[in-house]
Amino acid sequence: MIRIAVPALTEERRKERVKDVKKIGEEAKVSVRNIRRDMNDQLKKDEKNGDITEDELRSGTEDVQKATDNSIKEIDQMIADKEKDIMSV
């Protein structure tokens, strides 16, 4: 068995980790927004082709926005939880 002593995180290192977590969280939010854009584009294309009605387009767009808002809220909560974990001694 090999034992490696790992020193406790310093305040400075904790802040760096929090910065990393926030960066990863922001990248996740950008990905969610890109998916929203793609879905809205697809809905508009379907409406233009006559596959869905204007009401279905509006309803679909609202559903996509609600899902996006929920996902971003979850990501924000995960970031806050992880930041709290990292900063606790």
N, C-alpha and C. Protein backbone atom coordinates (compact mmCIF):
# COMPACT_ATOMS: atom_id res chain seq x y z
N MET A 1 0.84 -1.16 0.00
CA MET A 1 0.00 0.00 0.00
C MET A 1 0.89 1.23 0.00
N ILE A 2 0.53 2.18 -0.83
CA ILE A 2 1.27 3.43 -0.92
C ILE A 2 0.40 4.53 -0.32
N ARG A 3 0.98 5.31 0.55
CA ARG A 3 0.25 6.43 1.16
C ARG A 3 0.87 7.74 0.68
N ILE A 4 0.01 8.61 0.27
CA ILE A 4 0.46 9.91 -0.19
C ILE A 4 -0.20 10.97 0.68
N ALA A 5 0.59 11.81 1.26
CA ALA A 5 0.06 12.89 2.08
C ALA A 5 -0.35 14.05 1.18
N VAL A 6 -1.61 14.40 1.25
CA VAL A 6 -2.13 15.51 0.46
C VAL A 6 -2.48 16.64 1.42
N PRO A 7 -1.83 17.77 1.29
CA PRO A 7 -2.11 18.88 2.21
C PRO A 7 -3.52 19.43 2.00
N ALA A 8 -4.06 20.01 3.06
CA ALA A 8 -5.38 20.63 2.98
C ALA A 8 -5.33 21.81 2.01
N LEU A 9 -6.47 22.09 1.42
CA LEU A 9 -6.54 23.21 0.48
C LEU A 9 -6.40 24.54 1.21
N THR A 10 -5.61 25.41 0.66
CA THR A 10 -5.49 26.76 1.22
C THR A 10 -6.67 27.59 0.72
N GLU A 11 -6.87 28.73 1.33
CA GLU A 11 -7.96 29.62 0.93
C GLU A 11 -7.81 30.02 -0.55
N GLU A 12 -6.59 30.28 -0.95
CA GLU A 12 -6.33 30.68 -2.34
C GLU A 12 -6.70 29.56 -3.30
N ARG A 13 -6.30 28.33 -2.98
CA ARG A 13 -6.63 27.18 -3.84
C ARG A 13 -8.13 26.93 -3.88
N ARG A 14 -8.80 27.14 -2.76
CA ARG A 14 -10.26 26.97 -2.73
C ARG A 14 -10.92 27.97 -3.68
N LYS A 15 -10.45 29.21 -3.65
CA LYS A 15 -11.02 30.23 -4.54
C LYS A 15 -10.77 29.89 -6.00
N GLU A 16 -9.61 29.30 -6.29
CA GLU A 16 -9.32 28.86 -7.66
C GLU A 16 -10.29 27.76 -8.08
N ARG A 17 -10.55 26.82 -7.19
CA ARG A 17 -11.48 25.72 -7.49
C ARG A 17 -12.89 26.27 -7.72
N VAL A 18 -13.29 27.24 -6.89
CA VAL A 18 -14.61 27.85 -7.07
C VAL A 18 -14.70 28.53 -8.43
N LYS A 19 -13.63 29.20 -8.84
CA LYS A 19 -13.59 29.84 -10.16
C LYS A 19 -13.76 28.80 -11.26
N ASP A 20 -13.07 27.65 -11.08
CA ASP A 20 -13.18 26.56 -12.06
C ASP A 20 -14.62 26.04 -12.14
N VAL A 21 -15.24 25.88 -10.97
CA VAL A 21 -16.62 25.39 -10.93
C VAL A 21 -17.55 26.37 -11.64
N LYS A 22 -17.37 27.65 -11.39
CA LYS A 22 -18.22 28.66 -12.04
C LYS A 22 -18.02 28.65 -13.56
N LYS A 23 -16.78 28.46 -13.99
CA LYS A 23 -16.49 28.41 -15.43
C LYS A 23 -17.19 27.21 -16.07
N ILE A 24 -17.09 26.06 -15.43
CA ILE A 24 -17.74 24.85 -15.95
C ILE A 24 -19.25 25.04 -15.96
N GLY A 25 -19.78 25.66 -14.91
CA GLY A 25 -21.22 25.92 -14.85
C GLY A 25 -21.67 26.84 -15.96
N GLU A 26 -20.88 27.86 -16.24
CA GLU A 26 -21.22 28.79 -17.32
C GLU A 26 -21.20 28.08 -18.67
N GLU A 27 -20.23 27.19 -18.86
CA GLU A 27 -20.18 26.42 -20.11
C GLU A 27 -21.42 25.53 -20.24
N ALA A 28 -21.87 24.97 -19.13
CA ALA A 28 -23.08 24.14 -19.16
C ALA A 28 -24.29 24.98 -19.53
N LYS A 29 -24.38 26.19 -18.98
CA LYS A 29 -25.51 27.07 -19.30
C LYS A 29 -25.49 27.47 -20.78
N VAL A 30 -24.31 27.71 -21.32
CA VAL A 30 -24.19 28.05 -22.74
C VAL A 30 -24.67 26.87 -23.59
N SER A 31 -24.32 25.66 -23.18
CA SER A 31 -24.76 24.47 -23.92
C SER A 31 -26.28 24.35 -23.91
N VAL A 32 -26.89 24.61 -22.76
CA VAL A 32 -28.35 24.56 -22.65
C VAL A 32 -28.97 25.61 -23.57
N ARG A 33 -28.40 26.80 -23.58
CA ARG A 33 -28.93 27.86 -24.45
C ARG A 33 -28.78 27.51 -25.93
N ASN A 34 -27.69 26.85 -26.27
CA ASN A 34 -27.50 26.42 -27.67
C ASN A 34 -28.55 25.39 -28.06
N ILE A 35 -28.87 24.50 -27.15
CA ILE A 35 -29.91 23.50 -27.41
C ILE A 35 -31.25 24.21 -27.60
N ARG A 36 -31.53 25.21 -26.75
CA ARG A 36 -32.77 25.99 -26.89
C ARG A 36 -32.84 26.63 -28.27
N ARG A 37 -31.75 27.23 -28.70
CA ARG A 37 -31.72 27.88 -30.02
C ARG A 37 -32.00 26.87 -31.13
N ASP A 38 -31.35 25.70 -31.04
CA ASP A 38 -31.55 24.66 -32.06
C ASP A 38 -33.00 24.19 -32.08
N MET A 39 -33.59 24.01 -30.90
CA MET A 39 -34.98 23.56 -30.84
C MET A 39 -35.92 24.62 -31.41
N ASN A 40 -35.69 25.87 -31.06
CA ASN A 40 -36.54 26.95 -31.60
C ASN A 40 -36.39 27.05 -33.11
N ASP A 41 -35.19 26.90 -33.62
CA ASP A 41 -34.97 26.91 -35.07
C ASP A 41 -35.73 25.77 -35.74
N GLN A 42 -35.70 24.60 -35.12
CA GLN A 42 -36.41 23.44 -35.68
C GLN A 42 -37.92 23.68 -35.67
N LEU A 43 -38.43 24.25 -34.57
CA LEU A 43 -39.86 24.55 -34.50
C LEU A 43 -40.26 25.55 -35.60
N LYS A 44 -39.46 26.58 -35.79
CA LYS A 44 -39.75 27.58 -36.83
C LYS A 44 -39.72 26.95 -38.22
N LYS A 45 -38.77 26.05 -38.42
CA LYS A 45 -38.66 25.36 -39.71
C LYS A 45 -39.89 24.48 -39.94
N ASP A 46 -40.31 23.77 -38.89
CA ASP A 46 -41.50 22.92 -39.01
C ASP A 46 -42.75 23.76 -39.30
N GLU A 47 -42.85 24.92 -38.67
CA GLU A 47 -44.01 25.78 -38.90
C GLU A 47 -43.99 26.33 -40.33
N LYS A 48 -42.81 26.67 -40.80
CA LYS A 48 -42.67 27.20 -42.16
C LYS A 48 -43.05 26.13 -43.19
N ASN A 49 -42.69 24.87 -42.89
CA ASN A 49 -43.00 23.76 -43.80
C ASN A 49 -44.46 23.31 -43.69
N GLY A 50 -45.18 23.84 -42.70
CA GLY A 50 -46.58 23.47 -42.54
C GLY A 50 -46.77 22.22 -41.69
N ASP A 51 -45.72 21.74 -41.04
CA ASP A 51 -45.84 20.54 -40.20
C ASP A 51 -46.54 20.84 -38.88
N ILE A 52 -46.42 22.07 -38.40
CA ILE A 52 -47.09 22.47 -37.16
C ILE A 52 -47.76 23.82 -37.38
N THR A 53 -48.76 24.11 -36.54
CA THR A 53 -49.47 25.38 -36.67
C THR A 53 -48.73 26.47 -35.89
N GLU A 54 -49.20 27.70 -36.08
CA GLU A 54 -48.59 28.83 -35.38
C GLU A 54 -48.79 28.70 -33.86
N ASP A 55 -49.96 28.19 -33.46
CA ASP A 55 -50.22 27.98 -32.03
C ASP A 55 -49.28 26.92 -31.46
N GLU A 56 -49.06 25.86 -32.23
CA GLU A 56 -48.13 24.82 -31.78
C GLU A 56 -46.70 25.36 -31.69
N LEU A 57 -46.36 26.25 -32.60
CA LEU A 57 -45.04 26.89 -32.56
C LEU A 57 -44.89 27.70 -31.28
N ARG A 58 -45.90 28.51 -30.97
CA ARG A 58 -45.85 29.33 -29.76
C ARG A 58 -45.80 28.45 -28.51
N SER A 59 -46.62 27.43 -28.48
CA SER A 59 -46.64 26.52 -27.34
C SER A 59 -45.31 25.79 -27.19
N GLY A 60 -44.78 25.32 -28.30
CA GLY A 60 -43.49 24.62 -28.28
C GLY A 60 -42.36 25.52 -27.83
N THR A 61 -42.38 26.77 -28.30
CA THR A 61 -41.35 27.73 -27.91
C THR A 61 -41.43 28.01 -26.41
N GLU A 62 -42.65 28.14 -25.89
CA GLU A 62 -42.82 28.37 -24.45
C GLU A 62 -42.33 27.17 -23.65
N ASP A 63 -42.63 25.96 -24.12
CA ASP A 63 -42.18 24.75 -23.43
C ASP A 63 -40.66 24.66 -23.41
N VAL A 64 -40.05 24.98 -24.54
CA VAL A 64 -38.58 24.96 -24.63
C VAL A 64 -37.99 25.98 -23.66
N GLN A 65 -38.61 27.16 -23.58
CA GLN A 65 -38.11 28.20 -22.67
C GLN A 65 -38.24 27.77 -21.22
N LYS A 66 -39.36 27.13 -20.87
CA LYS A 66 -39.54 26.65 -19.49
C LYS A 66 -38.49 25.60 -19.15
N ALA A 67 -38.25 24.68 -20.07
CA ALA A 67 -37.23 23.65 -19.84
C ALA A 67 -35.85 24.27 -19.69
N THR A 68 -35.57 25.28 -20.50
CA THR A 68 -34.29 25.99 -20.42
C THR A 68 -34.14 26.67 -19.07
N ASP A 69 -35.20 27.38 -18.65
CA ASP A 69 -35.16 28.07 -17.36
C ASP A 69 -34.93 27.09 -16.21
N ASN A 70 -35.63 25.95 -16.25
CA ASN A 70 -35.46 24.94 -15.20
C ASN A 70 -34.05 24.38 -15.19
N SER A 71 -33.51 24.11 -16.36
CA SER A 71 -32.15 23.57 -16.44
C SER A 71 -31.12 24.56 -15.91
N ILE A 72 -31.28 25.82 -16.26
CA ILE A 72 -30.34 26.84 -15.79
C ILE A 72 -30.46 27.02 -14.28
N LYS A 73 -31.68 26.93 -13.76
CA LYS A 73 -31.88 27.02 -12.31
C LYS A 73 -31.16 25.87 -11.60
N GLU A 74 -31.28 24.66 -12.16
CA GLU A 74 -30.60 23.49 -11.59
C GLU A 74 -29.09 23.67 -11.63
N ILE A 75 -28.58 24.16 -12.73
CA ILE A 75 -27.13 24.38 -12.86
C ILE A 75 -26.66 25.40 -11.83
N ASP A 76 -27.42 26.50 -11.68
CA ASP A 76 -27.06 27.52 -10.69
C ASP A 76 -27.05 26.93 -9.28
N GLN A 77 -28.03 26.07 -8.99
CA GLN A 77 -28.08 25.44 -7.66
C GLN A 77 -26.88 24.52 -7.46
N MET A 78 -26.52 23.76 -8.48
CA MET A 78 -25.35 22.88 -8.37
C MET A 78 -24.08 23.69 -8.14
N ILE A 79 -23.96 24.81 -8.84
CA ILE A 79 -22.78 25.67 -8.66
C ILE A 79 -22.72 26.18 -7.22
N ALA A 80 -23.85 26.65 -6.72
CA ALA A 80 -23.89 27.19 -5.36
C ALA A 80 -23.55 26.11 -4.34
N ASP A 81 -24.11 24.90 -4.52
CA ASP A 81 -23.82 23.80 -3.60
C ASP A 81 -22.35 23.43 -3.63
N LYS A 82 -21.78 23.34 -4.81
CA LYS A 82 -20.37 22.95 -4.93
C LYS A 82 -19.47 24.04 -4.35
N GLU A 83 -19.82 25.30 -4.59
CA GLU A 83 -19.04 26.40 -4.02
C GLU A 83 -19.05 26.31 -2.49
N LYS A 84 -20.21 26.03 -1.94
CA LYS A 84 -20.33 25.89 -0.48
C LYS A 84 -19.47 24.74 0.02
N ASP A 85 -19.49 23.61 -0.70
CA ASP A 85 -18.67 22.45 -0.32
C ASP A 85 -17.18 22.78 -0.35
N ILE A 86 -16.77 23.45 -1.39
CA ILE A 86 -15.34 23.76 -1.56
C ILE A 86 -14.87 24.74 -0.49
N MET A 87 -15.68 25.74 -0.19
CA MET A 87 -15.25 26.78 0.74
C MET A 87 -15.35 26.36 2.20
N SER A 88 -16.09 25.28 2.49
CA SER A 88 -16.18 24.83 3.89
C SER A 88 -14.86 24.18 4.29
N VAL A 89 -14.48 24.39 5.52
CA VAL A 89 -13.18 23.91 6.00
C VAL A 89 -13.27 22.51 6.49
